[in-house]
Amino acid sequence: MAAHRQLQRAALLDAARSLLTEGGGEALTFPALAARTGLARSSVYEYFRSRAAVIEALCEEDLPLWVAEIEAGMAACDTAEARVEAYVRGQLALAADPRHRAVVAISELELDDASRERIRAAHTGVVRLVLQALEELGHAQPKLAAALLQGVVEAAVRQQERMAAGACPATAGSECAESEVADAAVSLALRGLTAG
């Protein structure tokens, strides 16, 4: 019985990932989960009490994988600057990967304060990855710098999403490309707003 419940729960989480990837936060509903898994809607409530609980479960499973991929990319770098670049580019690549769209879509959802706090705590693992590199680069307040850097990454992810949806603003003499967004985010992370 326990094995069956684990399989059903895993199927619900897979369905939730698919719904978030295909339609964003609005697509994640209990009727849609029930339809995707062949369960009765009332059965979905046996596994998750709310949409927020589904999101929390996805974060518990998916954020550690996200962190491990970013960490592996950073570990392959020799310098602090290269690790910061790997941190930024790694997150942007993962955010564009359909397998990880659910993690990105989570940030768009309205959640209660307790759920958002648990997700924020899980997300802290991502930000911690870059602290040492920022210390090596001489930042007097590496935690603050890491939080601000994560804001740059999140803004770049949103820009990539707008581009993917065909809503990219025209830029003078330049076509929108995901690589341009990544290059700009890395440049901003490493050099601030100075040209270069």
C-alpha atoms as a PDB file:
ATOM      1  CA  MET A   1       0.000   0.000   0.000  1.00  0.00           C
ATOM      2  CA  ALA A   2       2.790   2.450   0.882  1.00  0.00           C
ATOM      3  CA  ALA A   3       4.540   1.748  -2.427  1.00  0.00           C
ATOM      4  CA  HIS A   4       1.298   2.410  -4.309  1.00  0.00           C
ATOM      5  CA  ARG A   5       0.846   5.744  -2.497  1.00  0.00           C
ATOM      6  CA  GLN A   6       4.423   6.732  -3.357  1.00  0.00           C
ATOM      7  CA  LEU A   7       3.806   5.926  -7.026  1.00  0.00           C
ATOM      8  CA  GLN A   8       0.570   7.930  -7.043  1.00  0.00           C
ATOM      9  CA  ARG A   9       2.262  10.875  -5.336  1.00  0.00           C
ATOM     10  CA  ALA A  10       5.125  10.752  -7.862  1.00  0.00           C
ATOM     11  CA  ALA A  11       2.583  10.663 -10.715  1.00  0.00           C
ATOM     12  CA  LEU A  12       0.820  13.709  -9.274  1.00  0.00           C
ATOM     13  CA  LEU A  13       4.097  15.614  -9.027  1.00  0.00           C
ATOM     14  CA  ASP A  14       5.019  14.669 -12.608  1.00  0.00           C
ATOM     15  CA  ALA A  15       1.598  15.880 -13.736  1.00  0.00           C
ATOM     16  CA  ALA A  16       2.104  19.118 -11.781  1.00  0.00           C
ATOM     17  CA  ARG A  17       5.462  19.679 -13.501  1.00  0.00           C
ATOM     18  CA  SER A  18       3.865  19.149 -16.903  1.00  0.00           C
ATOM     19  CA  LEU A  19       0.987  21.502 -16.144  1.00  0.00           C
ATOM     20  CA  LEU A  20       3.326  24.227 -14.888  1.00  0.00           C
ATOM     21  CA  THR A  21       5.580  23.807 -17.913  1.00  0.00           C
ATOM     22  CA  GLU A  22       2.717  23.900 -20.397  1.00  0.00           C
ATOM     23  CA  GLY A  23       0.513  26.572 -18.890  1.00  0.00           C
ATOM     24  CA  GLY A  24       2.231  28.231 -15.954  1.00  0.00           C
ATOM     25  CA  GLY A  25       0.681  28.638 -12.544  1.00  0.00           C
ATOM     26  CA  GLU A  26      -2.879  29.019 -13.808  1.00  0.00           C
ATOM     27  CA  ALA A  27      -2.788  25.513 -15.279  1.00  0.00           C
ATOM     28  CA  LEU A  28      -2.016  23.865 -11.939  1.00  0.00           C
ATOM     29  CA  THR A  29      -5.440  22.939 -10.586  1.00  0.00           C
ATOM     30  CA  PHE A  30      -6.693  19.885  -8.757  1.00  0.00           C
ATOM     31  CA  PRO A  31      -9.144  18.997 -11.567  1.00  0.00           C
ATOM     32  CA  ALA A  32      -6.254  19.150 -14.050  1.00  0.00           C
ATOM     33  CA  LEU A  33      -4.083  16.978 -11.782  1.00  0.00           C
ATOM     34  CA  ALA A  34      -6.916  14.483 -11.473  1.00  0.00           C
ATOM     35  CA  ALA A  35      -7.429  14.396 -15.235  1.00  0.00           C
ATOM     36  CA  ARG A  36      -3.711  13.902 -15.931  1.00  0.00           C
ATOM     37  CA  THR A  37      -3.347  11.048 -13.455  1.00  0.00           C
ATOM     38  CA  GLY A  38      -6.718   9.363 -13.832  1.00  0.00           C
ATOM     39  CA  LEU A  39      -7.534   9.933 -10.169  1.00  0.00           C
ATOM     40  CA  ALA A  40     -10.751  11.316  -8.795  1.00  0.00           C
ATOM     41  CA  ARG A  41     -10.408  14.941  -7.741  1.00  0.00           C
ATOM     42  CA  SER A  42     -11.180  13.967  -4.147  1.00  0.00           C
ATOM     43  CA  SER A  43      -8.266  11.507  -4.296  1.00  0.00           C
ATOM     44  CA  VAL A  44      -5.847  14.288  -5.151  1.00  0.00           C
ATOM     45  CA  TYR A  45      -6.739  15.894  -1.809  1.00  0.00           C
ATOM     46  CA  GLU A  46      -5.645  12.710  -0.053  1.00  0.00           C
ATOM     47  CA  TYR A  47      -2.087  13.436  -1.224  1.00  0.00           C
ATOM     48  CA  PHE A  48      -2.012  17.248  -1.106  1.00  0.00           C
ATOM     49  CA  ARG A  49      -4.220  19.523   0.979  1.00  0.00           C
ATOM     50  CA  SER A  50      -3.741  22.516  -1.337  1.00  0.00           C
ATOM     51  CA  ARG A  51      -2.014  23.819  -4.421  1.00  0.00           C
ATOM     52  CA  ALA A  52       0.618  25.330  -2.124  1.00  0.00           C
ATOM     53  CA  ALA A  53       1.351  21.847  -0.760  1.00  0.00           C
ATOM     54  CA  VAL A  54       1.948  20.584  -4.320  1.00  0.00           C
ATOM     55  CA  ILE A  55       4.328  23.487  -4.938  1.00  0.00           C
ATOM     56  CA  GLU A  56       6.201  22.810  -1.699  1.00  0.00           C
ATOM     57  CA  ALA A  57       6.600  19.147  -2.630  1.00  0.00           C
ATOM     58  CA  LEU A  58       7.946  20.113  -6.057  1.00  0.00           C
ATOM     59  CA  CYS A  59      10.440  22.469  -4.444  1.00  0.00           C
ATOM     60  CA  GLU A  60      11.573  19.809  -2.002  1.00  0.00           C
ATOM     61  CA  GLU A  61      12.295  17.451  -4.896  1.00  0.00           C
ATOM     62  CA  ASP A  62      13.433  19.779  -7.658  1.00  0.00           C
ATOM     63  CA  LEU A  63      15.423  22.561  -5.976  1.00  0.00           C
ATOM     64  CA  PRO A  64      18.128  20.191  -4.658  1.00  0.00           C
ATOM     65  CA  LEU A  65      18.599  18.896  -8.229  1.00  0.00           C
ATOM     66  CA  TRP A  66      18.823  22.483  -9.489  1.00  0.00           C
ATOM     67  CA  VAL A  67      21.400  23.304  -6.792  1.00  0.00           C
ATOM     68  CA  ALA A  68      23.455  20.197  -7.630  1.00  0.00           C
ATOM     69  CA  GLU A  69      23.610  21.119 -11.325  1.00  0.00           C
ATOM     70  CA  ILE A  70      24.667  24.701 -10.588  1.00  0.00           C
ATOM     71  CA  GLU A  71      27.225  23.495  -8.051  1.00  0.00           C
ATOM     72  CA  ALA A  72      28.726  21.037 -10.535  1.00  0.00           C
ATOM     73  CA  GLY A  73      29.120  23.783 -13.130  1.00  0.00           C
ATOM     74  CA  MET A  74      30.762  26.089 -10.626  1.00  0.00           C
ATOM     75  CA  ALA A  75      33.096  23.370  -9.340  1.00  0.00           C
ATOM     76  CA  ALA A  76      34.592  23.022 -12.817  1.00  0.00           C
ATOM     77  CA  CYS A  77      35.805  26.657 -12.717  1.00  0.00           C
ATOM     78  CA  ASP A  78      39.241  27.822 -11.619  1.00  0.00           C
ATOM     79  CA  THR A  79      38.546  31.430 -10.635  1.00  0.00           C
ATOM     80  CA  ALA A  80      35.948  33.236  -8.540  1.00  0.00           C
ATOM     81  CA  GLU A  81      34.902  35.288 -11.557  1.00  0.00           C
ATOM     82  CA  ALA A  82      34.392  32.134 -13.610  1.00  0.00           C
ATOM     83  CA  ARG A  83      32.322  30.601 -10.782  1.00  0.00           C
ATOM     84  CA  VAL A  84      30.050  33.667 -10.706  1.00  0.00           C
ATOM     85  CA  GLU A  85      29.641  33.396 -14.471  1.00  0.00           C
ATOM     86  CA  ALA A  86      28.849  29.673 -14.182  1.00  0.00           C
ATOM     87  CA  TYR A  87      26.316  30.487 -11.453  1.00  0.00           C
ATOM     88  CA  VAL A  88      24.490  32.984 -13.658  1.00  0.00           C
ATOM     89  CA  ARG A  89      24.680  31.035 -16.918  1.00  0.00           C
ATOM     90  CA  GLY A  90      23.820  27.756 -15.209  1.00  0.00           C
ATOM     91  CA  GLN A  91      20.610  29.116 -13.733  1.00  0.00           C
ATOM     92  CA  LEU A  92      19.578  30.712 -17.013  1.00  0.00           C
ATOM     93  CA  ALA A  93      20.190  27.456 -18.875  1.00  0.00           C
ATOM     94  CA  LEU A  94      18.206  25.475 -16.320  1.00  0.00           C
ATOM     95  CA  ALA A  95      15.347  27.970 -16.403  1.00  0.00           C
ATOM     96  CA  ALA A  96      15.113  27.592 -20.190  1.00  0.00           C
ATOM     97  CA  ASP A  97      15.144  23.777 -19.969  1.00  0.00           C
ATOM     98  CA  PRO A  98      11.593  22.375 -20.074  1.00  0.00           C
ATOM     99  CA  ARG A  99      12.512  19.836 -17.379  1.00  0.00           C
ATOM    100  CA  HIS A 100      13.014  22.700 -14.957  1.00  0.00           C
ATOM    101  CA  ARG A 101      10.182  25.004 -16.006  1.00  0.00           C
ATOM    102  CA  ALA A 102       8.196  23.986 -12.952  1.00  0.00           C
ATOM    103  CA  VAL A 103      10.786  25.555 -10.632  1.00  0.00           C
ATOM    104  CA  VAL A 104      10.580  28.794 -12.615  1.00  0.00           C
ATOM    105  CA  ALA A 105       6.776  28.759 -12.697  1.00  0.00           C
ATOM    106  CA  ILE A 106       6.651  28.383  -8.929  1.00  0.00           C
ATOM    107  CA  SER A 107       7.835  31.957  -8.462  1.00  0.00           C
ATOM    108  CA  GLU A 108       4.771  33.198 -10.347  1.00  0.00           C
ATOM    109  CA  LEU A 109       2.250  31.561  -8.020  1.00  0.00           C
ATOM    110  CA  GLU A 110       0.429  33.194  -5.167  1.00  0.00           C
ATOM    111  CA  LEU A 111       1.204  31.212  -2.046  1.00  0.00           C
ATOM    112  CA  ASP A 112       0.495  31.707   1.623  1.00  0.00           C
ATOM    113  CA  ASP A 113       3.255  33.185   3.775  1.00  0.00           C
ATOM    114  CA  ALA A 114       4.200  29.869   5.405  1.00  0.00           C
ATOM    115  CA  SER A 115       4.564  28.130   2.035  1.00  0.00           C
ATOM    116  CA  ARG A 116       6.529  31.009   0.562  1.00  0.00           C
ATOM    117  CA  GLU A 117       8.873  30.978   3.595  1.00  0.00           C
ATOM    118  CA  ARG A 118       9.545  27.218   3.253  1.00  0.00           C
ATOM    119  CA  ILE A 119      10.244  27.670  -0.451  1.00  0.00           C
ATOM    120  CA  ARG A 120      12.491  30.664   0.278  1.00  0.00           C
ATOM    121  CA  ALA A 121      14.448  28.541   2.767  1.00  0.00           C
ATOM    122  CA  ALA A 122      14.912  25.802   0.168  1.00  0.00           C
ATOM    123  CA  HIS A 123      15.940  28.414  -2.422  1.00  0.00           C
ATOM    124  CA  THR A 124      18.611  29.749  -0.062  1.00  0.00           C
ATOM    125  CA  GLY A 125      20.740  26.743  -1.056  1.00  0.00           C
ATOM    126  CA  VAL A 126      21.112  28.222  -4.538  1.00  0.00           C
ATOM    127  CA  VAL A 127      22.228  31.623  -3.267  1.00  0.00           C
ATOM    128  CA  ARG A 128      24.732  30.090  -0.819  1.00  0.00           C
ATOM    129  CA  LEU A 129      26.623  28.598  -3.754  1.00  0.00           C
ATOM    130  CA  VAL A 130      27.974  31.967  -4.843  1.00  0.00           C
ATOM    131  CA  LEU A 131      28.915  33.429  -1.434  1.00  0.00           C
ATOM    132  CA  GLN A 132      32.512  32.189  -1.405  1.00  0.00           C
ATOM    133  CA  ALA A 133      33.146  33.435  -4.935  1.00  0.00           C
ATOM    134  CA  LEU A 134      31.805  36.862  -3.986  1.00  0.00           C
ATOM    135  CA  GLU A 135      34.027  36.913  -0.885  1.00  0.00           C
ATOM    136  CA  GLU A 136      37.036  36.056  -3.064  1.00  0.00           C
ATOM    137  CA  LEU A 137      36.095  38.930  -5.392  1.00  0.00           C
ATOM    138  CA  GLY A 138      36.320  41.278  -2.399  1.00  0.00           C
ATOM    139  CA  HIS A 139      32.683  42.067  -1.696  1.00  0.00           C
ATOM    140  CA  ALA A 140      32.397  43.587   1.773  1.00  0.00           C
ATOM    141  CA  GLN A 141      28.837  42.245   2.111  1.00  0.00           C
ATOM    142  CA  PRO A 142      28.750  38.955   0.178  1.00  0.00           C
ATOM    143  CA  LYS A 143      25.283  37.952   1.452  1.00  0.00           C
ATOM    144  CA  LEU A 144      23.800  41.199   0.225  1.00  0.00           C
ATOM    145  CA  ALA A 145      25.699  40.900  -3.062  1.00  0.00           C
ATOM    146  CA  ALA A 146      24.432  37.320  -3.484  1.00  0.00           C
ATOM    147  CA  ALA A 147      20.839  38.394  -2.915  1.00  0.00           C
ATOM    148  CA  LEU A 148      21.196  41.216  -5.425  1.00  0.00           C
ATOM    149  CA  LEU A 149      22.895  38.903  -7.904  1.00  0.00           C
ATOM    150  CA  GLN A 150      19.994  36.477  -7.590  1.00  0.00           C
ATOM    151  CA  GLY A 151      17.684  39.369  -8.436  1.00  0.00           C
ATOM    152  CA  VAL A 152      19.654  39.921 -11.641  1.00  0.00           C
ATOM    153  CA  VAL A 153      19.340  36.221 -12.475  1.00  0.00           C
ATOM    154  CA  GLU A 154      15.587  36.246 -11.829  1.00  0.00           C
ATOM    155  CA  ALA A 155      15.137  39.342 -14.007  1.00  0.00           C
ATOM    156  CA  ALA A 156      17.128  37.653 -16.782  1.00  0.00           C
ATOM    157  CA  VAL A 157      14.925  34.554 -16.491  1.00  0.00           C
ATOM    158  CA  ARG A 158      11.811  36.720 -16.884  1.00  0.00           C
ATOM    159  CA  GLN A 159      13.368  38.402 -19.933  1.00  0.00           C
ATOM    160  CA  GLN A 160      14.065  34.992 -21.480  1.00  0.00           C
ATOM    161  CA  GLU A 161      10.442  34.014 -20.846  1.00  0.00           C
ATOM    162  CA  ARG A 162       9.172  37.169 -22.571  1.00  0.00           C
ATOM    163  CA  MET A 163      11.417  36.419 -25.530  1.00  0.00           C
ATOM    164  CA  ALA A 164      10.200  32.825 -25.714  1.00  0.00           C
ATOM    165  CA  ALA A 165       6.629  34.133 -25.718  1.00  0.00           C
ATOM    166  CA  GLY A 166       7.466  36.512 -28.582  1.00  0.00           C
ATOM    167  CA  ALA A 167       7.166  39.611 -26.413  1.00  0.00           C
ATOM    168  CA  CYS A 168      10.769  40.733 -26.700  1.00  0.00           C
ATOM    169  CA  PRO A 169      11.177  44.497 -26.919  1.00  0.00           C
ATOM    170  CA  ALA A 170      12.939  45.699 -30.024  1.00  0.00           C
ATOM    171  CA  THR A 171      16.509  46.704 -29.433  1.00  0.00           C
ATOM    172  CA  ALA A 172      18.346  49.038 -31.764  1.00  0.00           C
ATOM    173  CA  GLY A 173      20.175  47.079 -34.421  1.00  0.00           C
ATOM    174  CA  SER A 174      20.086  43.857 -32.422  1.00  0.00           C
ATOM    175  CA  GLU A 175      17.950  40.749 -32.443  1.00  0.00           C
ATOM    176  CA  CYS A 176      16.813  39.291 -29.177  1.00  0.00           C
ATOM    177  CA  ALA A 177      18.605  36.092 -28.300  1.00  0.00           C
ATOM    178  CA  GLU A 178      18.839  34.104 -25.100  1.00  0.00           C
ATOM    179  CA  SER A 179      22.615  34.288 -25.361  1.00  0.00           C
ATOM    180  CA  GLU A 180      22.394  38.099 -25.305  1.00  0.00           C
ATOM    181  CA  VAL A 181      20.364  37.976 -22.110  1.00  0.00           C
ATOM    182  CA  ALA A 182      22.892  35.612 -20.522  1.00  0.00           C
ATOM    183  CA  ASP A 183      25.818  37.767 -21.679  1.00  0.00           C
ATOM    184  CA  ALA A 184      24.167  40.917 -20.298  1.00  0.00           C
ATOM    185  CA  ALA A 185      23.370  39.242 -16.963  1.00  0.00           C
ATOM    186  CA  VAL A 186      26.951  37.984 -16.615  1.00  0.00           C
ATOM    187  CA  SER A 187      28.331  41.405 -17.515  1.00  0.00           C
ATOM    188  CA  LEU A 188      26.057  43.090 -14.976  1.00  0.00           C
ATOM    189  CA  ALA A 189      27.046  40.535 -12.336  1.00  0.00           C
ATOM    190  CA  LEU A 190      30.762  40.952 -12.888  1.00  0.00           C
ATOM    191  CA  ARG A 191      31.099  44.598 -13.887  1.00  0.00           C
ATOM    192  CA  GLY A 192      27.950  46.328 -12.686  1.00  0.00           C
ATOM    193  CA  LEU A 193      26.692  48.992 -15.029  1.00  0.00           C
ATOM    194  CA  THR A 194      30.057  50.000 -16.464  1.00  0.00           C
ATOM    195  CA  ALA A 195      30.478  49.248 -20.145  1.00  0.00           C
ATOM    196  CA  GLY A 196      32.614  46.321 -21.176  1.00  0.00           C
END
